[in-house]
Amino acid sequence: MWRRFEALLYFFRYVLEQPEVDFQGAIRAKKRERILVVLSVDEVTRALDCLSPNFRLMGRLQYGTGLRVNERLRLRVKDLNFDRGQAHACR
């Protein structure tokens, strides 16, 4: 909602060239409180263990490396270094 207010300010200041417009009586939208949901280690472990064995490695790899879905889908065996425990950037 604040973007609309900023757009109105811009319109009055720069388009109509009225920089001193009084918005004191304007009703502003209330800011919503955002509560982030973070899974515990136990919850993540249980969720990954629910995957079928065919997809469990991909799920663990995606979660552990922070890959996006399309990056994981493009991942090839040559992008993984099992000796060092590294995944190289997908291009």
PDB file of N, CA and C in Angstrom:
ATOM      1  N   MET A   1       0.817  -1.187   0.000  1.00  0.00           N
ATOM      2  CA  MET A   1       0.000   0.000   0.000  1.00  0.00           C
ATOM      3  C   MET A   1       0.861   1.251   0.000  1.00  0.00           C
ATOM      4  N   TRP A   2       2.040   1.173   0.629  1.00  0.00           N
ATOM      5  CA  TRP A   2       2.883   2.362   0.694  1.00  0.00           C
ATOM      6  C   TRP A   2       3.364   2.779  -0.690  1.00  0.00           C
ATOM      7  N   ARG A   3       3.443   1.839  -1.609  1.00  0.00           N
ATOM      8  CA  ARG A   3       3.883   2.193  -2.958  1.00  0.00           C
ATOM      9  C   ARG A   3       2.877   3.102  -3.645  1.00  0.00           C
ATOM     10  N   ARG A   4       1.598   2.868  -3.374  1.00  0.00           N
ATOM     11  CA  ARG A   4       0.573   3.732  -3.945  1.00  0.00           C
ATOM     12  C   ARG A   4       0.697   5.137  -3.384  1.00  0.00           C
ATOM     13  N   PHE A   5       0.962   5.239  -2.095  1.00  0.00           N
ATOM     14  CA  PHE A   5       1.127   6.552  -1.471  1.00  0.00           C
ATOM     15  C   PHE A   5       2.332   7.267  -2.057  1.00  0.00           C
ATOM     16  N   GLU A   6       3.437   6.536  -2.212  1.00  0.00           N
ATOM     17  CA  GLU A   6       4.633   7.132  -2.815  1.00  0.00           C
ATOM     18  C   GLU A   6       4.364   7.557  -4.256  1.00  0.00           C
ATOM     19  N   ALA A   7       3.545   6.791  -4.970  1.00  0.00           N
ATOM     20  CA  ALA A   7       3.187   7.155  -6.341  1.00  0.00           C
ATOM     21  C   ALA A   7       2.375   8.451  -6.357  1.00  0.00           C
ATOM     22  N   LEU A   8       1.464   8.592  -5.398  1.00  0.00           N
ATOM     23  CA  LEU A   8       0.693   9.840  -5.300  1.00  0.00           C
ATOM     24  C   LEU A   8       1.602  11.023  -4.986  1.00  0.00           C
ATOM     25  N   LEU A   9       2.525  10.824  -4.069  1.00  0.00           N
ATOM     26  CA  LEU A   9       3.477  11.898  -3.765  1.00  0.00           C
ATOM     27  C   LEU A   9       4.270  12.302  -5.005  1.00  0.00           C
ATOM     28  N   TYR A  10       4.747  11.322  -5.729  1.00  0.00           N
ATOM     29  CA  TYR A  10       5.507  11.599  -6.951  1.00  0.00           C
ATOM     30  C   TYR A  10       4.642  12.355  -7.949  1.00  0.00           C
ATOM     31  N   PHE A  11       3.397  11.910  -8.127  1.00  0.00           N
ATOM     32  CA  PHE A  11       2.484  12.548  -9.068  1.00  0.00           C
ATOM     33  C   PHE A  11       2.282  14.019  -8.725  1.00  0.00           C
ATOM     34  N   PHE A  12       2.004  14.321  -7.466  1.00  0.00           N
ATOM     35  CA  PHE A  12       1.758  15.699  -7.084  1.00  0.00           C
ATOM     36  C   PHE A  12       3.024  16.546  -7.141  1.00  0.00           C
ATOM     37  N   ARG A  13       4.151  15.981  -6.722  1.00  0.00           N
ATOM     38  CA  ARG A  13       5.387  16.766  -6.684  1.00  0.00           C
ATOM     39  C   ARG A  13       5.969  17.038  -8.069  1.00  0.00           C
ATOM     40  N   TYR A  14       6.015  16.008  -8.921  1.00  0.00           N
ATOM     41  CA  TYR A  14       6.756  16.142 -10.169  1.00  0.00           C
ATOM     42  C   TYR A  14       5.877  16.302 -11.403  1.00  0.00           C
ATOM     43  N   VAL A  15       4.693  15.723 -11.410  1.00  0.00           N
ATOM     44  CA  VAL A  15       3.817  15.839 -12.578  1.00  0.00           C
ATOM     45  C   VAL A  15       2.995  17.111 -12.484  1.00  0.00           C
ATOM     46  N   LEU A  16       2.346  17.311 -11.352  1.00  0.00           N
ATOM     47  CA  LEU A  16       1.524  18.515 -11.174  1.00  0.00           C
ATOM     48  C   LEU A  16       2.322  19.692 -10.623  1.00  0.00           C
ATOM     49  N   GLU A  17       3.584  19.425 -10.262  1.00  0.00           N
ATOM     50  CA  GLU A  17       4.488  20.448  -9.729  1.00  0.00           C
ATOM     51  C   GLU A  17       3.884  21.162  -8.523  1.00  0.00           C
ATOM     52  N   GLN A  18       3.369  20.378  -7.585  1.00  0.00           N
ATOM     53  CA  GLN A  18       2.815  20.898  -6.335  1.00  0.00           C
ATOM     54  C   GLN A  18       3.504  20.173  -5.176  1.00  0.00           C
ATOM     55  N   PRO A  19       4.723  20.583  -4.815  1.00  0.00           N
ATOM     56  CA  PRO A  19       5.472  19.846  -3.795  1.00  0.00           C
ATOM     57  C   PRO A  19       4.914  19.999  -2.383  1.00  0.00           C
ATOM     58  N   GLU A  20       4.064  20.977  -2.144  1.00  0.00           N
ATOM     59  CA  GLU A  20       3.577  21.231  -0.785  1.00  0.00           C
ATOM     60  C   GLU A  20       2.158  20.723  -0.554  1.00  0.00           C
ATOM     61  N   VAL A  21       1.773  19.612  -1.126  1.00  0.00           N
ATOM     62  CA  VAL A  21       0.438  19.049  -0.944  1.00  0.00           C
ATOM     63  C   VAL A  21       0.349  18.466   0.463  1.00  0.00           C
ATOM     64  N   ASP A  22      -0.767  18.732   1.157  1.00  0.00           N
ATOM     65  CA  ASP A  22      -0.945  18.281   2.535  1.00  0.00           C
ATOM     66  C   ASP A  22      -1.655  16.921   2.549  1.00  0.00           C
ATOM     67  N   PHE A  23      -0.934  15.891   2.989  1.00  0.00           N
ATOM     68  CA  PHE A  23      -1.490  14.547   3.102  1.00  0.00           C
ATOM     69  C   PHE A  23      -1.716  14.162   4.570  1.00  0.00           C
ATOM     70  N   GLN A  24      -1.825  15.141   5.452  1.00  0.00           N
ATOM     71  CA  GLN A  24      -1.949  14.863   6.881  1.00  0.00           C
ATOM     72  C   GLN A  24      -3.214  14.070   7.213  1.00  0.00           C
ATOM     73  N   GLY A  25      -4.323  14.309   6.529  1.00  0.00           N
ATOM     74  CA  GLY A  25      -5.568  13.611   6.823  1.00  0.00           C
ATOM     75  C   GLY A  25      -5.715  12.287   6.109  1.00  0.00           C
ATOM     76  N   ALA A  26      -4.724  11.919   5.325  1.00  0.00           N
ATOM     77  CA  ALA A  26      -4.809  10.682   4.553  1.00  0.00           C
ATOM     78  C   ALA A  26      -4.742   9.473   5.481  1.00  0.00           C
ATOM     79  N   ILE A  27      -5.555   8.487   5.203  1.00  0.00           N
ATOM     80  CA  ILE A  27      -5.551   7.259   5.989  1.00  0.00           C
ATOM     81  C   ILE A  27      -4.488   6.333   5.404  1.00  0.00           C
ATOM     82  N   ARG A  28      -3.559   5.955   6.248  1.00  0.00           N
ATOM     83  CA  ARG A  28      -2.471   5.095   5.789  1.00  0.00           C
ATOM     84  C   ARG A  28      -2.762   3.650   6.156  1.00  0.00           C
ATOM     85  N   ALA A  29      -2.289   2.771   5.336  1.00  0.00           N
ATOM     86  CA  ALA A  29      -2.470   1.338   5.605  1.00  0.00           C
ATOM     87  C   ALA A  29      -1.588   0.919   6.778  1.00  0.00           C
ATOM     88  N   LYS A  30      -2.081  -0.015   7.571  1.00  0.00           N
ATOM     89  CA  LYS A  30      -1.303  -0.520   8.690  1.00  0.00           C
ATOM     90  C   LYS A  30      -0.279  -1.526   8.189  1.00  0.00           C
ATOM     91  N   LYS A  31       0.889  -1.476   8.770  1.00  0.00           N
ATOM     92  CA  LYS A  31       1.925  -2.443   8.407  1.00  0.00           C
ATOM     93  C   LYS A  31       1.595  -3.782   9.047  1.00  0.00           C
ATOM     94  N   ARG A  32       1.643  -4.819   8.246  1.00  0.00           N
ATOM     95  CA  ARG A  32       1.385  -6.156   8.764  1.00  0.00           C
ATOM     96  C   ARG A  32       2.652  -6.724   9.365  1.00  0.00           C
ATOM     97  N   GLU A  33       2.463  -7.444  10.441  1.00  0.00           N
ATOM     98  CA  GLU A  33       3.596  -8.095  11.063  1.00  0.00           C
ATOM     99  C   GLU A  33       3.828  -9.433  10.370  1.00  0.00           C
ATOM    100  N   ARG A  34       5.052  -9.650   9.946  1.00  0.00           N
ATOM    101  CA  ARG A  34       5.392 -10.891   9.257  1.00  0.00           C
ATOM    102  C   ARG A  34       6.131 -11.811  10.196  1.00  0.00           C
ATOM    103  N   ILE A  35       5.644 -13.008  10.306  1.00  0.00           N
ATOM    104  CA  ILE A  35       6.301 -13.998  11.145  1.00  0.00           C
ATOM    105  C   ILE A  35       6.916 -15.051  10.227  1.00  0.00           C
ATOM    106  N   LEU A  36       8.226 -15.156  10.283  1.00  0.00           N
ATOM    107  CA  LEU A  36       8.921 -16.126   9.441  1.00  0.00           C
ATOM    108  C   LEU A  36       8.778 -17.523  10.034  1.00  0.00           C
ATOM    109  N   VAL A  37       8.611 -18.481   9.157  1.00  0.00           N
ATOM    110  CA  VAL A  37       8.500 -19.868   9.589  1.00  0.00           C
ATOM    111  C   VAL A  37       9.802 -20.574   9.228  1.00  0.00           C
ATOM    112  N   VAL A  38      10.481 -21.042  10.234  1.00  0.00           N
ATOM    113  CA  VAL A  38      11.738 -21.754  10.035  1.00  0.00           C
ATOM    114  C   VAL A  38      11.582 -23.140  10.647  1.00  0.00           C
ATOM    115  N   LEU A  39      11.879 -24.150   9.865  1.00  0.00           N
ATOM    116  CA  LEU A  39      11.763 -25.524  10.360  1.00  0.00           C
ATOM    117  C   LEU A  39      12.958 -25.866  11.235  1.00  0.00           C
ATOM    118  N   SER A  40      12.715 -26.661  12.244  1.00  0.00           N
ATOM    119  CA  SER A  40      13.815 -27.121  13.094  1.00  0.00           C
ATOM    120  C   SER A  40      14.591 -28.208  12.340  1.00  0.00           C
ATOM    121  N   VAL A  41      15.750 -28.544  12.869  1.00  0.00           N
ATOM    122  CA  VAL A  41      16.582 -29.585  12.249  1.00  0.00           C
ATOM    123  C   VAL A  41      15.822 -30.908  12.224  1.00  0.00           C
ATOM    124  N   ASP A  42      15.113 -31.212  13.303  1.00  0.00           N
ATOM    125  CA  ASP A  42      14.348 -32.460  13.381  1.00  0.00           C
ATOM    126  C   ASP A  42      13.229 -32.478  12.335  1.00  0.00           C
ATOM    127  N   GLU A  43      12.542 -31.351  12.149  1.00  0.00           N
ATOM    128  CA  GLU A  43      11.459 -31.285  11.162  1.00  0.00           C
ATOM    129  C   GLU A  43      11.989 -31.454   9.746  1.00  0.00           C
ATOM    130  N   VAL A  44      13.131 -30.839   9.455  1.00  0.00           N
ATOM    131  CA  VAL A  44      13.730 -30.981   8.119  1.00  0.00           C
ATOM    132  C   VAL A  44      14.153 -32.424   7.891  1.00  0.00           C
ATOM    133  N   THR A  45      14.760 -33.035   8.896  1.00  0.00           N
ATOM    134  CA  THR A  45      15.186 -34.434   8.776  1.00  0.00           C
ATOM    135  C   THR A  45      13.998 -35.340   8.511  1.00  0.00           C
ATOM    136  N   ARG A  46      12.910 -35.146   9.268  1.00  0.00           N
ATOM    137  CA  ARG A  46      11.723 -35.973   9.073  1.00  0.00           C
ATOM    138  C   ARG A  46      11.111 -35.749   7.693  1.00  0.00           C
ATOM    139  N   ALA A  47      11.093 -34.506   7.219  1.00  0.00           N
ATOM    140  CA  ALA A  47      10.529 -34.221   5.897  1.00  0.00           C
ATOM    141  C   ALA A  47      11.355 -34.878   4.795  1.00  0.00           C
ATOM    142  N   LEU A  48      12.678 -34.796   4.916  1.00  0.00           N
ATOM    143  CA  LEU A  48      13.535 -35.414   3.897  1.00  0.00           C
ATOM    144  C   LEU A  48      13.460 -36.939   3.953  1.00  0.00           C
ATOM    145  N   ASP A  49      13.272 -37.487   5.145  1.00  0.00           N
ATOM    146  CA  ASP A  49      13.158 -38.946   5.269  1.00  0.00           C
ATOM    147  C   ASP A  49      11.841 -39.470   4.689  1.00  0.00           C
ATOM    148  N   CYS A  50      10.856 -38.608   4.546  1.00  0.00           N
ATOM    149  CA  CYS A  50       9.569 -39.022   3.959  1.00  0.00           C
ATOM    150  C   CYS A  50       9.651 -39.182   2.447  1.00  0.00           C
ATOM    151  N   LEU A  51      10.704 -38.645   1.844  1.00  0.00           N
ATOM    152  CA  LEU A  51      10.862 -38.777   0.395  1.00  0.00           C
ATOM    153  C   LEU A  51      11.211 -40.222   0.049  1.00  0.00           C
ATOM    154  N   SER A  52      10.790 -40.637  -1.139  1.00  0.00           N
ATOM    155  CA  SER A  52      11.153 -41.981  -1.579  1.00  0.00           C
ATOM    156  C   SER A  52      12.663 -42.035  -1.812  1.00  0.00           C
ATOM    157  N   PRO A  53      13.253 -43.209  -1.701  1.00  0.00           N
ATOM    158  CA  PRO A  53      14.707 -43.321  -1.850  1.00  0.00           C
ATOM    159  C   PRO A  53      15.232 -42.753  -3.173  1.00  0.00           C
ATOM    160  N   ASN A  54      14.421 -42.789  -4.222  1.00  0.00           N
ATOM    161  CA  ASN A  54      14.862 -42.260  -5.510  1.00  0.00           C
ATOM    162  C   ASN A  54      15.065 -40.747  -5.471  1.00  0.00           C
ATOM    163  N   PHE A  55      14.324 -40.049  -4.618  1.00  0.00           N
ATOM    164  CA  PHE A  55      14.372 -38.586  -4.586  1.00  0.00           C
ATOM    165  C   PHE A  55      15.032 -38.027  -3.326  1.00  0.00           C
ATOM    166  N   ARG A  56      15.362 -38.880  -2.378  1.00  0.00           N
ATOM    167  CA  ARG A  56      15.918 -38.424  -1.103  1.00  0.00           C
ATOM    168  C   ARG A  56      17.252 -37.710  -1.279  1.00  0.00           C
ATOM    169  N   LEU A  57      18.141 -38.261  -2.109  1.00  0.00           N
ATOM    170  CA  LEU A  57      19.436 -37.628  -2.328  1.00  0.00           C
ATOM    171  C   LEU A  57      19.264 -36.257  -2.957  1.00  0.00           C
ATOM    172  N   MET A  58      18.357 -36.155  -3.932  1.00  0.00           N
ATOM    173  CA  MET A  58      18.132 -34.851  -4.568  1.00  0.00           C
ATOM    174  C   MET A  58      17.574 -33.839  -3.572  1.00  0.00           C
ATOM    175  N   GLY A  59      16.662 -34.289  -2.717  1.00  0.00           N
ATOM    176  CA  GLY A  59      16.093 -33.392  -1.720  1.00  0.00           C
ATOM    177  C   GLY A  59      17.137 -32.915  -0.727  1.00  0.00           C
ATOM    178  N   ARG A  60      17.967 -33.826  -0.249  1.00  0.00           N
ATOM    179  CA  ARG A  60      19.027 -33.456   0.692  1.00  0.00           C
ATOM    180  C   ARG A  60      20.039 -32.531   0.044  1.00  0.00           C
ATOM    181  N   LEU A  61      20.385 -32.822  -1.201  1.00  0.00           N
ATOM    182  CA  LEU A  61      21.336 -31.985  -1.923  1.00  0.00           C
ATOM    183  C   LEU A  61      20.770 -30.581  -2.129  1.00  0.00           C
ATOM    184  N   GLN A  62      19.510 -30.497  -2.511  1.00  0.00           N
ATOM    185  CA  GLN A  62      18.889 -29.194  -2.740  1.00  0.00           C
ATOM    186  C   GLN A  62      18.799 -28.404  -1.438  1.00  0.00           C
ATOM    187  N   TYR A  63      18.395 -29.041  -0.364  1.00  0.00           N
ATOM    188  CA  TYR A  63      18.284 -28.348   0.916  1.00  0.00           C
ATOM    189  C   TYR A  63      19.656 -27.922   1.442  1.00  0.00           C
ATOM    190  N   GLY A  64      20.614 -28.827   1.357  1.00  0.00           N
ATOM    191  CA  GLY A  64      21.940 -28.546   1.907  1.00  0.00           C
ATOM    192  C   GLY A  64      22.718 -27.494   1.152  1.00  0.00           C
ATOM    193  N   THR A  65      22.538 -27.418  -0.145  1.00  0.00           N
ATOM    194  CA  THR A  65      23.283 -26.455  -0.950  1.00  0.00           C
ATOM    195  C   THR A  65      22.512 -25.174  -1.198  1.00  0.00           C
ATOM    196  N   GLY A  66      21.198 -25.188  -0.962  1.00  0.00           N
ATOM    197  CA  GLY A  66      20.397 -23.994  -1.211  1.00  0.00           C
ATOM    198  C   GLY A  66      20.087 -23.778  -2.686  1.00  0.00           C
ATOM    199  N   LEU A  67      20.156 -24.853  -3.462  1.00  0.00           N
ATOM    200  CA  LEU A  67      19.870 -24.740  -4.891  1.00  0.00           C
ATOM    201  C   LEU A  67      18.391 -24.467  -5.127  1.00  0.00           C
ATOM    202  N   ARG A  68      18.104 -23.748  -6.189  1.00  0.00           N
ATOM    203  CA  ARG A  68      16.727 -23.593  -6.633  1.00  0.00           C
ATOM    204  C   ARG A  68      16.340 -24.854  -7.404  1.00  0.00           C
ATOM    205  N   VAL A  69      15.053 -25.028  -7.651  1.00  0.00           N
ATOM    206  CA  VAL A  69      14.578 -26.249  -8.313  1.00  0.00           C
ATOM    207  C   VAL A  69      15.183 -26.367  -9.707  1.00  0.00           C
ATOM    208  N   ASN A  70      15.170 -25.277 -10.488  1.00  0.00           N
ATOM    209  CA  ASN A  70      15.709 -25.374 -11.851  1.00  0.00           C
ATOM    210  C   ASN A  70      17.221 -25.613 -11.842  1.00  0.00           C
ATOM    211  N   GLU A  71      17.928 -25.095 -10.835  1.00  0.00           N
ATOM    212  CA  GLU A  71      19.366 -25.358 -10.738  1.00  0.00           C
ATOM    213  C   GLU A  71      19.622 -26.827 -10.412  1.00  0.00           C
ATOM    214  N   ARG A  72      18.810 -27.374  -9.543  1.00  0.00           N
ATOM    215  CA  ARG A  72      18.960 -28.800  -9.199  1.00  0.00           C
ATOM    216  C   ARG A  72      18.648 -29.679 -10.397  1.00  0.00           C
ATOM    217  N   LEU A  73      17.644 -29.298 -11.191  1.00  0.00           N
ATOM    218  CA  LEU A  73      17.286 -30.105 -12.353  1.00  0.00           C
ATOM    219  C   LEU A  73      18.386 -30.095 -13.406  1.00  0.00           C
ATOM    220  N   ARG A  74      19.146 -28.997 -13.484  1.00  0.00           N
ATOM    221  CA  ARG A  74      20.235 -28.903 -14.465  1.00  0.00           C
ATOM    222  C   ARG A  74      21.544 -29.506 -13.958  1.00  0.00           C
ATOM    223  N   LEU A  75      21.565 -29.903 -12.688  1.00  0.00           N
ATOM    224  CA  LEU A  75      22.779 -30.419 -12.090  1.00  0.00           C
ATOM    225  C   LEU A  75      23.179 -31.744 -12.744  1.00  0.00           C
ATOM    226  N   ARG A  76      24.478 -31.866 -13.033  1.00  0.00           N
ATOM    227  CA  ARG A  76      24.998 -33.097 -13.627  1.00  0.00           C
ATOM    228  C   ARG A  76      26.029 -33.701 -12.686  1.00  0.00           C
ATOM    229  N   VAL A  77      26.365 -34.939 -12.893  1.00  0.00           N
ATOM    230  CA  VAL A  77      27.318 -35.624 -12.022  1.00  0.00           C
ATOM    231  C   VAL A  77      28.666 -34.915 -12.049  1.00  0.00           C
ATOM    232  N   LYS A  78      29.076 -34.395 -13.193  1.00  0.00           N
ATOM    233  CA  LYS A  78      30.383 -33.731 -13.275  1.00  0.00           C
ATOM    234  C   LYS A  78      30.418 -32.411 -12.498  1.00  0.00           C
ATOM    235  N   ASP A  79      29.242 -31.890 -12.085  1.00  0.00           N
ATOM    236  CA  ASP A  79      29.187 -30.681 -11.275  1.00  0.00           C
ATOM    237  C   ASP A  79      29.422 -30.965  -9.792  1.00  0.00           C
ATOM    238  N   LEU A  80      29.452 -32.238  -9.412  1.00  0.00           N
ATOM    239  CA  LEU A  80      29.627 -32.610  -8.012  1.00  0.00           C
ATOM    240  C   LEU A  80      31.027 -33.145  -7.779  1.00  0.00           C
ATOM    241  N   ASN A  81      31.653 -32.700  -6.699  1.00  0.00           N
ATOM    242  CA  ASN A  81      32.955 -33.206  -6.297  1.00  0.00           C
ATOM    243  C   ASN A  81      32.755 -33.900  -4.950  1.00  0.00           C
ATOM    244  N   PHE A  82      32.601 -35.217  -4.977  1.00  0.00           N
ATOM    245  CA  PHE A  82      32.294 -35.977  -3.778  1.00  0.00           C
ATOM    246  C   PHE A  82      33.470 -36.018  -2.809  1.00  0.00           C
ATOM    247  N   ASP A  83      34.709 -35.955  -3.320  1.00  0.00           N
ATOM    248  CA  ASP A  83      35.880 -35.976  -2.444  1.00  0.00           C
ATOM    249  C   ASP A  83      35.929 -34.739  -1.553  1.00  0.00           C
ATOM    250  N   ARG A  84      35.617 -33.597  -2.116  1.00  0.00           N
ATOM    251  CA  ARG A  84      35.639 -32.332  -1.356  1.00  0.00           C
ATOM    252  C   ARG A  84      34.278 -31.963  -0.770  1.00  0.00           C
ATOM    253  N   GLY A  85      33.245 -32.661  -1.181  1.00  0.00           N
ATOM    254  CA  GLY A  85      31.901 -32.326  -0.700  1.00  0.00           C
ATOM    255  C   GLY A  85      31.411 -31.005  -1.267  1.00  0.00           C
ATOM    256  N   GLN A  86      31.704 -30.754  -2.552  1.00  0.00           N
ATOM    257  CA  GLN A  86      31.345 -29.499  -3.193  1.00  0.00           C
ATOM    258  C   GLN A  86      30.449 -29.724  -4.395  1.00  0.00           C
ATOM    259  N   ALA A  87      29.596 -28.734  -4.643  1.00  0.00           N
ATOM    260  CA  ALA A  87      28.788 -28.687  -5.865  1.00  0.00           C
ATOM    261  C   ALA A  87      29.185 -27.419  -6.595  1.00  0.00           C
ATOM    262  N   HIS A  88      29.524 -27.552  -7.857  1.00  0.00           N
ATOM    263  CA  HIS A  88      29.941 -26.412  -8.651  1.00  0.00           C
ATOM    264  C   HIS A  88      28.726 -25.723  -9.265  1.00  0.00           C
ATOM    265  N   ALA A  89      28.878 -24.446  -9.564  1.00  0.00           N
ATOM    266  CA  ALA A  89      27.772 -23.650 -10.097  1.00  0.00           C
ATOM    267  C   ALA A  89      27.279 -24.232 -11.420  1.00  0.00           C
ATOM    268  N   CYS A  90      25.970 -24.263 -11.564  1.00  0.00           N
ATOM    269  CA  CYS A  90      25.342 -24.761 -12.797  1.00  0.00           C
ATOM    270  C   CYS A  90      25.198 -23.604 -13.759  1.00  0.00           C
ATOM    271  N   ARG A  91      25.487 -23.850 -15.013  1.00  0.00           N
ATOM    272  CA  ARG A  91      25.335 -22.786 -16.022  1.00  0.00           C
ATOM    273  C   ARG A  91      24.525 -23.279 -17.170  1.00  0.00           C
TER     274      ARG A  91
END
